[in-house]
Amino acid sequence: MITFAAIAAAGDVNVNAIAPGISAALLATVAGLLVAIPSLFGYNYFSTRIRDATAELHVFAEELVARMGEGGGGAVARKGVR
């Protein structure tokens, strides 16, 4: 942005004047992409793992509730105490 402001103020486009600014902007873009792309893959990987684990926990909870409901009274009923 500083480079473009200097060009606007001077009114003259000189390659030697804009090259360092453009170079810095391109390096910042490359650095951003080097961080963003692996982060995206990591996010998708962990998001999928969390979604799968959550689904397994829901199935486990439903099976646990169903088995607890089948007992009819649990350990107390099996001992003969009513």
PDB file of N, CA and C in Angstrom:
ATOM      1  N   MET A   1       0.823  -1.182   0.000  1.00  0.00           N
ATOM      2  CA  MET A   1       0.000   0.000   0.000  1.00  0.00           C
ATOM      3  C   MET A   1       0.875   1.256   0.000  1.00  0.00           C
ATOM      4  N   ILE A   2       1.978   1.185   0.720  1.00  0.00           N
ATOM      5  CA  ILE A   2       2.885   2.339   0.763  1.00  0.00           C
ATOM      6  C   ILE A   2       3.460   2.603  -0.625  1.00  0.00           C
ATOM      7  N   THR A   3       3.760   1.530  -1.336  1.00  0.00           N
ATOM      8  CA  THR A   3       4.315   1.674  -2.686  1.00  0.00           C
ATOM      9  C   THR A   3       3.328   2.375  -3.601  1.00  0.00           C
ATOM     10  N   PHE A   4       2.071   1.954  -3.559  1.00  0.00           N
ATOM     11  CA  PHE A   4       1.065   2.573  -4.419  1.00  0.00           C
ATOM     12  C   PHE A   4       0.785   4.011  -4.010  1.00  0.00           C
ATOM     13  N   ALA A   5       0.859   4.315  -2.727  1.00  0.00           N
ATOM     14  CA  ALA A   5       0.693   5.694  -2.278  1.00  0.00           C
ATOM     15  C   ALA A   5       1.840   6.567  -2.776  1.00  0.00           C
ATOM     16  N   ALA A   6       3.051   6.027  -2.766  1.00  0.00           N
ATOM     17  CA  ALA A   6       4.206   6.785  -3.265  1.00  0.00           C
ATOM     18  C   ALA A   6       4.096   7.020  -4.763  1.00  0.00           C
ATOM     19  N   ILE A   7       3.601   6.034  -5.495  1.00  0.00           N
ATOM     20  CA  ILE A   7       3.413   6.203  -6.940  1.00  0.00           C
ATOM     21  C   ILE A   7       2.372   7.277  -7.209  1.00  0.00           C
ATOM     22  N   ALA A   8       1.289   7.249  -6.460  1.00  0.00           N
ATOM     23  CA  ALA A   8       0.234   8.248  -6.641  1.00  0.00           C
ATOM     24  C   ALA A   8       0.738   9.641  -6.309  1.00  0.00           C
ATOM     25  N   ALA A   9       1.547   9.762  -5.275  1.00  0.00           N
ATOM     26  CA  ALA A   9       2.070  11.075  -4.882  1.00  0.00           C
ATOM     27  C   ALA A   9       3.062  11.601  -5.916  1.00  0.00           C
ATOM     28  N   ALA A  10       3.918  10.718  -6.432  1.00  0.00           N
ATOM     29  CA  ALA A  10       4.929  11.151  -7.392  1.00  0.00           C
ATOM     30  C   ALA A  10       4.356  11.323  -8.790  1.00  0.00           C
ATOM     31  N   GLY A  11       3.349  10.527  -9.119  1.00  0.00           N
ATOM     32  CA  GLY A  11       2.762  10.589 -10.451  1.00  0.00           C
ATOM     33  C   GLY A  11       3.621   9.919 -11.504  1.00  0.00           C
ATOM     34  N   ASP A  12       4.666   9.262 -11.085  1.00  0.00           N
ATOM     35  CA  ASP A  12       5.583   8.613 -12.018  1.00  0.00           C
ATOM     36  C   ASP A  12       5.682   7.135 -11.672  1.00  0.00           C
ATOM     37  N   VAL A  13       5.539   6.286 -12.676  1.00  0.00           N
ATOM     38  CA  VAL A  13       5.649   4.852 -12.458  1.00  0.00           C
ATOM     39  C   VAL A  13       7.048   4.426 -12.861  1.00  0.00           C
ATOM     40  N   ASN A  14       7.813   4.023 -11.862  1.00  0.00           N
ATOM     41  CA  ASN A  14       9.173   3.570 -12.087  1.00  0.00           C
ATOM     42  C   ASN A  14       9.280   2.155 -11.553  1.00  0.00           C
ATOM     43  N   VAL A  15       9.763   1.228 -12.376  1.00  0.00           N
ATOM     44  CA  VAL A  15       9.864  -0.173 -11.980  1.00  0.00           C
ATOM     45  C   VAL A  15      10.760  -0.324 -10.761  1.00  0.00           C
ATOM     46  N   ASN A  16      11.824   0.424 -10.706  1.00  0.00           N
ATOM     47  CA  ASN A  16      12.730   0.341  -9.565  1.00  0.00           C
ATOM     48  C   ASN A  16      12.067   0.811  -8.274  1.00  0.00           C
ATOM     49  N   ALA A  17      11.055   1.638  -8.378  1.00  0.00           N
ATOM     50  CA  ALA A  17      10.377   2.139  -7.183  1.00  0.00           C
ATOM     51  C   ALA A  17       9.328   1.159  -6.673  1.00  0.00           C
ATOM     52  N   ILE A  18       8.677   0.458  -7.606  1.00  0.00           N
ATOM     53  CA  ILE A  18       7.590  -0.429  -7.173  1.00  0.00           C
ATOM     54  C   ILE A  18       8.030  -1.868  -6.926  1.00  0.00           C
ATOM     55  N   ALA A  19       9.158  -2.278  -7.443  1.00  0.00           N
ATOM     56  CA  ALA A  19       9.604  -3.667  -7.316  1.00  0.00           C
ATOM     57  C   ALA A  19       9.771  -4.119  -5.870  1.00  0.00           C
ATOM     58  N   PRO A  20      10.397  -3.337  -4.982  1.00  0.00           N
ATOM     59  CA  PRO A  20      10.528  -3.819  -3.596  1.00  0.00           C
ATOM     60  C   PRO A  20       9.183  -3.995  -2.887  1.00  0.00           C
ATOM     61  N   GLY A  21       8.265  -3.088  -3.151  1.00  0.00           N
ATOM     62  CA  GLY A  21       6.944  -3.196  -2.524  1.00  0.00           C
ATOM     63  C   GLY A  21       6.156  -4.397  -3.021  1.00  0.00           C
ATOM     64  N   ILE A  22       6.201  -4.624  -4.331  1.00  0.00           N
ATOM     65  CA  ILE A  22       5.512  -5.784  -4.915  1.00  0.00           C
ATOM     66  C   ILE A  22       6.160  -7.065  -4.419  1.00  0.00           C
ATOM     67  N   SER A  23       7.471  -7.084  -4.329  1.00  0.00           N
ATOM     68  CA  SER A  23       8.192  -8.252  -3.840  1.00  0.00           C
ATOM     69  C   SER A  23       7.788  -8.587  -2.405  1.00  0.00           C
ATOM     70  N   ALA A  24       7.700  -7.573  -1.568  1.00  0.00           N
ATOM     71  CA  ALA A  24       7.299  -7.799  -0.174  1.00  0.00           C
ATOM     72  C   ALA A  24       5.867  -8.319  -0.098  1.00  0.00           C
ATOM     73  N   ALA A  25       4.988  -7.786  -0.945  1.00  0.00           N
ATOM     74  CA  ALA A  25       3.591  -8.248  -0.952  1.00  0.00           C
ATOM     75  C   ALA A  25       3.502  -9.701  -1.408  1.00  0.00           C
ATOM     76  N   LEU A  26       4.281 -10.075  -2.413  1.00  0.00           N
ATOM     77  CA  LEU A  26       4.271 -11.462  -2.882  1.00  0.00           C
ATOM     78  C   LEU A  26       4.835 -12.410  -1.829  1.00  0.00           C
ATOM     79  N   LEU A  27       5.873 -11.995  -1.136  1.00  0.00           N
ATOM     80  CA  LEU A  27       6.425 -12.840  -0.071  1.00  0.00           C
ATOM     81  C   LEU A  27       5.417 -13.017   1.066  1.00  0.00           C
ATOM     82  N   ALA A  28       4.699 -11.970   1.402  1.00  0.00           N
ATOM     83  CA  ALA A  28       3.671 -12.089   2.442  1.00  0.00           C
ATOM     84  C   ALA A  28       2.551 -13.025   1.996  1.00  0.00           C
ATOM     85  N   THR A  29       2.202 -12.973   0.716  1.00  0.00           N
ATOM     86  CA  THR A  29       1.172 -13.873   0.181  1.00  0.00           C
ATOM     87  C   THR A  29       1.627 -15.325   0.247  1.00  0.00           C
ATOM     88  N   VAL A  30       2.864 -15.583  -0.138  1.00  0.00           N
ATOM     89  CA  VAL A  30       3.406 -16.947  -0.086  1.00  0.00           C
ATOM     90  C   VAL A  30       3.439 -17.454   1.346  1.00  0.00           C
ATOM     91  N   ALA A  31       3.874 -16.609   2.268  1.00  0.00           N
ATOM     92  CA  ALA A  31       3.910 -17.021   3.679  1.00  0.00           C
ATOM     93  C   ALA A  31       2.511 -17.338   4.188  1.00  0.00           C
ATOM     94  N   GLY A  32       1.539 -16.529   3.801  1.00  0.00           N
ATOM     95  CA  GLY A  32       0.160 -16.788   4.205  1.00  0.00           C
ATOM     96  C   GLY A  32      -0.369 -18.101   3.657  1.00  0.00           C
ATOM     97  N   LEU A  33      -0.056 -18.378   2.396  1.00  0.00           N
ATOM     98  CA  LEU A  33      -0.493 -19.645   1.796  1.00  0.00           C
ATOM     99  C   LEU A  33       0.193 -20.843   2.438  1.00  0.00           C
ATOM    100  N   LEU A  34       1.466 -20.685   2.806  1.00  0.00           N
ATOM    101  CA  LEU A  34       2.185 -21.786   3.459  1.00  0.00           C
ATOM    102  C   LEU A  34       1.595 -22.110   4.830  1.00  0.00           C
ATOM    103  N   VAL A  35       0.954 -21.159   5.438  1.00  0.00           N
ATOM    104  CA  VAL A  35       0.295 -21.403   6.724  1.00  0.00           C
ATOM    105  C   VAL A  35      -1.141 -21.875   6.504  1.00  0.00           C
ATOM    106  N   ALA A  36      -1.844 -21.264   5.567  1.00  0.00           N
ATOM    107  CA  ALA A  36      -3.274 -21.521   5.392  1.00  0.00           C
ATOM    108  C   ALA A  36      -3.571 -22.906   4.823  1.00  0.00           C
ATOM    109  N   ILE A  37      -2.812 -23.361   3.861  1.00  0.00           N
ATOM    110  CA  ILE A  37      -3.127 -24.635   3.204  1.00  0.00           C
ATOM    111  C   ILE A  37      -2.965 -25.822   4.147  1.00  0.00           C
ATOM    112  N   PRO A  38      -1.855 -25.973   4.870  1.00  0.00           N
ATOM    113  CA  PRO A  38      -1.778 -27.079   5.833  1.00  0.00           C
ATOM    114  C   PRO A  38      -2.815 -26.948   6.961  1.00  0.00           C
ATOM    115  N   SER A  39      -3.120 -25.716   7.332  1.00  0.00           N
ATOM    116  CA  SER A  39      -4.134 -25.513   8.374  1.00  0.00           C
ATOM    117  C   SER A  39      -5.490 -26.013   7.909  1.00  0.00           C
ATOM    118  N   LEU A  40      -5.817 -25.794   6.652  1.00  0.00           N
ATOM    119  CA  LEU A  40      -7.088 -26.269   6.107  1.00  0.00           C
ATOM    120  C   LEU A  40      -7.161 -27.790   6.135  1.00  0.00           C
ATOM    121  N   PHE A  41      -6.077 -28.451   5.723  1.00  0.00           N
ATOM    122  CA  PHE A  41      -6.064 -29.915   5.771  1.00  0.00           C
ATOM    123  C   PHE A  41      -6.176 -30.420   7.205  1.00  0.00           C
ATOM    124  N   GLY A  42      -5.468 -29.794   8.122  1.00  0.00           N
ATOM    125  CA  GLY A  42      -5.556 -30.184   9.529  1.00  0.00           C
ATOM    126  C   GLY A  42      -6.940 -29.983  10.094  1.00  0.00           C
ATOM    127  N   TYR A  43      -7.565 -28.869   9.766  1.00  0.00           N
ATOM    128  CA  TYR A  43      -8.924 -28.599  10.243  1.00  0.00           C
ATOM    129  C   TYR A  43      -9.889 -29.659   9.735  1.00  0.00           C
ATOM    130  N   ASN A  44      -9.816 -29.980   8.451  1.00  0.00           N
ATOM    131  CA  ASN A  44     -10.719 -30.992   7.887  1.00  0.00           C
ATOM    132  C   ASN A  44     -10.478 -32.358   8.513  1.00  0.00           C
ATOM    133  N   TYR A  45      -9.219 -32.717   8.754  1.00  0.00           N
ATOM    134  CA  TYR A  45      -8.895 -34.005   9.365  1.00  0.00           C
ATOM    135  C   TYR A  45      -9.486 -34.104  10.770  1.00  0.00           C
ATOM    136  N   PHE A  46      -9.203 -33.091  11.594  1.00  0.00           N
ATOM    137  CA  PHE A  46      -9.691 -33.143  12.973  1.00  0.00           C
ATOM    138  C   PHE A  46     -11.206 -32.972  13.052  1.00  0.00           C
ATOM    139  N   SER A  47     -11.779 -32.207  12.148  1.00  0.00           N
ATOM    140  CA  SER A  47     -13.234 -32.057  12.113  1.00  0.00           C
ATOM    141  C   SER A  47     -13.908 -33.397  11.826  1.00  0.00           C
ATOM    142  N   THR A  48     -13.353 -34.148  10.884  1.00  0.00           N
ATOM    143  CA  THR A  48     -13.896 -35.474  10.562  1.00  0.00           C
ATOM    144  C   THR A  48     -13.734 -36.426  11.740  1.00  0.00           C
ATOM    145  N   ARG A  49     -12.569 -36.407  12.380  1.00  0.00           N
ATOM    146  CA  ARG A  49     -12.340 -37.289  13.538  1.00  0.00           C
ATOM    147  C   ARG A  49     -13.310 -36.969  14.671  1.00  0.00           C
ATOM    148  N   ILE A  50     -13.536 -35.702  14.941  1.00  0.00           N
ATOM    149  CA  ILE A  50     -14.454 -35.306  16.014  1.00  0.00           C
ATOM    150  C   ILE A  50     -15.882 -35.695  15.668  1.00  0.00           C
ATOM    151  N   ARG A  51     -16.291 -35.520  14.413  1.00  0.00           N
ATOM    152  CA  ARG A  51     -17.641 -35.894  14.002  1.00  0.00           C
ATOM    153  C   ARG A  51     -17.848 -37.402  14.146  1.00  0.00           C
ATOM    154  N   ASP A  52     -16.847 -38.202  13.760  1.00  0.00           N
ATOM    155  CA  ASP A  52     -16.957 -39.656  13.887  1.00  0.00           C
ATOM    156  C   ASP A  52     -17.010 -40.080  15.359  1.00  0.00           C
ATOM    157  N   ALA A  53     -16.173 -39.466  16.192  1.00  0.00           N
ATOM    158  CA  ALA A  53     -16.174 -39.805  17.619  1.00  0.00           C
ATOM    159  C   ALA A  53     -17.498 -39.423  18.269  1.00  0.00           C
ATOM    160  N   THR A  54     -18.061 -38.305  17.881  1.00  0.00           N
ATOM    161  CA  THR A  54     -19.345 -37.872  18.418  1.00  0.00           C
ATOM    162  C   THR A  54     -20.449 -38.849  18.023  1.00  0.00           C
ATOM    163  N   ALA A  55     -20.429 -39.313  16.779  1.00  0.00           N
ATOM    164  CA  ALA A  55     -21.429 -40.278  16.328  1.00  0.00           C
ATOM    165  C   ALA A  55     -21.303 -41.586  17.108  1.00  0.00           C
ATOM    166  N   GLU A  56     -20.060 -42.043  17.348  1.00  0.00           N
ATOM    167  CA  GLU A  56     -19.867 -43.265  18.120  1.00  0.00           C
ATOM    168  C   GLU A  56     -20.355 -43.099  19.554  1.00  0.00           C
ATOM    169  N   LEU A  57     -20.140 -41.933  20.148  1.00  0.00           N
ATOM    170  CA  LEU A  57     -20.608 -41.691  21.506  1.00  0.00           C
ATOM    171  C   LEU A  57     -22.130 -41.659  21.589  1.00  0.00           C
ATOM    172  N   HIS A  58     -22.774 -41.129  20.558  1.00  0.00           N
ATOM    173  CA  HIS A  58     -24.240 -41.124  20.537  1.00  0.00           C
ATOM    174  C   HIS A  58     -24.781 -42.550  20.453  1.00  0.00           C
ATOM    175  N   VAL A  59     -24.160 -43.371  19.621  1.00  0.00           N
ATOM    176  CA  VAL A  59     -24.584 -44.772  19.508  1.00  0.00           C
ATOM    177  C   VAL A  59     -24.369 -45.486  20.841  1.00  0.00           C
ATOM    178  N   PHE A  60     -23.227 -45.262  21.475  1.00  0.00           N
ATOM    179  CA  PHE A  60     -22.946 -45.885  22.767  1.00  0.00           C
ATOM    180  C   PHE A  60     -23.966 -45.460  23.812  1.00  0.00           C
ATOM    181  N   ALA A  61     -24.279 -44.176  23.845  1.00  0.00           N
ATOM    182  CA  ALA A  61     -25.243 -43.684  24.835  1.00  0.00           C
ATOM    183  C   ALA A  61     -26.624 -44.293  24.607  1.00  0.00           C
ATOM    184  N   GLU A  62     -27.040 -44.399  23.364  1.00  0.00           N
ATOM    185  CA  GLU A  62     -28.339 -45.008  23.065  1.00  0.00           C
ATOM    186  C   GLU A  62     -28.369 -46.480  23.460  1.00  0.00           C
ATOM    187  N   GLU A  63     -27.297 -47.217  23.187  1.00  0.00           N
ATOM    188  CA  GLU A  63     -27.233 -48.627  23.572  1.00  0.00           C
ATOM    189  C   GLU A  63     -27.217 -48.779  25.085  1.00  0.00           C
ATOM    190  N   LEU A  64     -26.514 -47.900  25.772  1.00  0.00           N
ATOM    191  CA  LEU A  64     -26.463 -47.952  27.228  1.00  0.00           C
ATOM    192  C   LEU A  64     -27.842 -47.706  27.834  1.00  0.00           C
ATOM    193  N   VAL A  65     -28.543 -46.721  27.333  1.00  0.00           N
ATOM    194  CA  VAL A  65     -29.885 -46.430  27.837  1.00  0.00           C
ATOM    195  C   VAL A  65     -30.824 -47.597  27.544  1.00  0.00           C
ATOM    196  N   ALA A  66     -30.701 -48.208  26.361  1.00  0.00           N
ATOM    197  CA  ALA A  66     -31.552 -49.342  26.014  1.00  0.00           C
ATOM    198  C   ALA A  66     -31.269 -50.533  26.928  1.00  0.00           C
ATOM    199  N   ARG A  67     -30.012 -50.806  27.214  1.00  0.00           N
ATOM    200  CA  ARG A  67     -29.678 -51.935  28.088  1.00  0.00           C
ATOM    201  C   ARG A  67     -30.098 -51.681  29.527  1.00  0.00           C
ATOM    202  N   MET A  68     -30.005 -50.438  29.967  1.00  0.00           N
ATOM    203  CA  MET A  68     -30.448 -50.118  31.321  1.00  0.00           C
ATOM    204  C   MET A  68     -31.964 -50.276  31.439  1.00  0.00           C
ATOM    205  N   GLY A  69     -32.681 -49.973  30.359  1.00  0.00           N
ATOM    206  CA  GLY A  69     -34.131 -50.117  30.361  1.00  0.00           C
ATOM    207  C   GLY A  69     -34.578 -51.567  30.300  1.00  0.00           C
ATOM    208  N   GLU A  70     -33.767 -52.473  29.757  1.00  0.00           N
ATOM    209  CA  GLU A  70     -34.119 -53.880  29.649  1.00  0.00           C
ATOM    210  C   GLU A  70     -34.075 -54.597  30.980  1.00  0.00           C
ATOM    211  N   GLY A  71     -33.288 -54.106  31.924  1.00  0.00           N
ATOM    212  CA  GLY A  71     -33.088 -54.800  33.189  1.00  0.00           C
ATOM    213  C   GLY A  71     -34.347 -54.915  34.027  1.00  0.00           C
ATOM    214  N   GLY A  72     -35.245 -54.014  33.921  1.00  0.00           N
ATOM    215  CA  GLY A  72     -36.494 -54.071  34.655  1.00  0.00           C
ATOM    216  C   GLY A  72     -36.372 -53.637  36.096  1.00  0.00           C
ATOM    217  N   GLY A  73     -35.260 -53.662  36.681  1.00  0.00           N
ATOM    218  CA  GLY A  73     -35.122 -53.235  38.064  1.00  0.00           C
ATOM    219  C   GLY A  73     -33.673 -53.291  38.504  1.00  0.00           C
ATOM    220  N   GLY A  74     -32.848 -53.755  37.668  1.00  0.00           N
ATOM    221  CA  GLY A  74     -31.433 -53.766  37.961  1.00  0.00           C
ATOM    222  C   GLY A  74     -31.037 -54.831  38.965  1.00  0.00           C
ATOM    223  N   ALA A  75     -30.001 -54.570  39.736  1.00  0.00           N
ATOM    224  CA  ALA A  75     -29.452 -55.533  40.678  1.00  0.00           C
ATOM    225  C   ALA A  75     -30.398 -55.813  41.834  1.00  0.00           C
ATOM    226  N   VAL A  76     -31.213 -54.872  42.214  1.00  0.00           N
ATOM    227  CA  VAL A  76     -32.128 -55.041  43.352  1.00  0.00           C
ATOM    228  C   VAL A  76     -33.156 -56.120  43.036  1.00  0.00           C
ATOM    229  N   ALA A  77     -33.684 -56.150  41.837  1.00  0.00           N
ATOM    230  CA  ALA A  77     -34.687 -57.154  41.465  1.00  0.00           C
ATOM    231  C   ALA A  77     -34.075 -58.538  41.378  1.00  0.00           C
ATOM    232  N   ARG A  78     -32.833 -58.660  41.031  1.00  0.00           N
ATOM    233  CA  ARG A  78     -32.203 -59.982  40.927  1.00  0.00           C
ATOM    234  C   ARG A  78     -31.935 -60.590  42.309  1.00  0.00           C
ATOM    235  N   LYS A  79     -31.774 -59.778  43.321  1.00  0.00           N
ATOM    236  CA  LYS A  79     -31.491 -60.296  44.668  1.00  0.00           C
ATOM    237  C   LYS A  79     -32.777 -60.730  45.370  1.00  0.00           C
ATOM    238  N   GLY A  80     -33.881 -60.510  44.756  1.00  0.00           N
ATOM    239  CA  GLY A  80     -35.124 -60.924  45.383  1.00  0.00           C
ATOM    240  C   GLY A  80     -35.776 -59.829  46.222  1.00  0.00           C
ATOM    241  N   VAL A  81     -35.222 -58.691  46.304  1.00  0.00           N
ATOM    242  CA  VAL A  81     -35.808 -57.584  47.065  1.00  0.00           C
ATOM    243  C   VAL A  81     -36.718 -56.826  46.143  1.00  0.00           C
ATOM    244  N   ARG A  82     -37.986 -56.696  46.583  1.00  0.00           N
ATOM    245  CA  ARG A  82     -38.953 -55.964  45.739  1.00  0.00           C
ATOM    246  C   ARG A  82     -39.605 -54.866  46.499  1.00  0.00           C
TER     247      ARG A  82
END
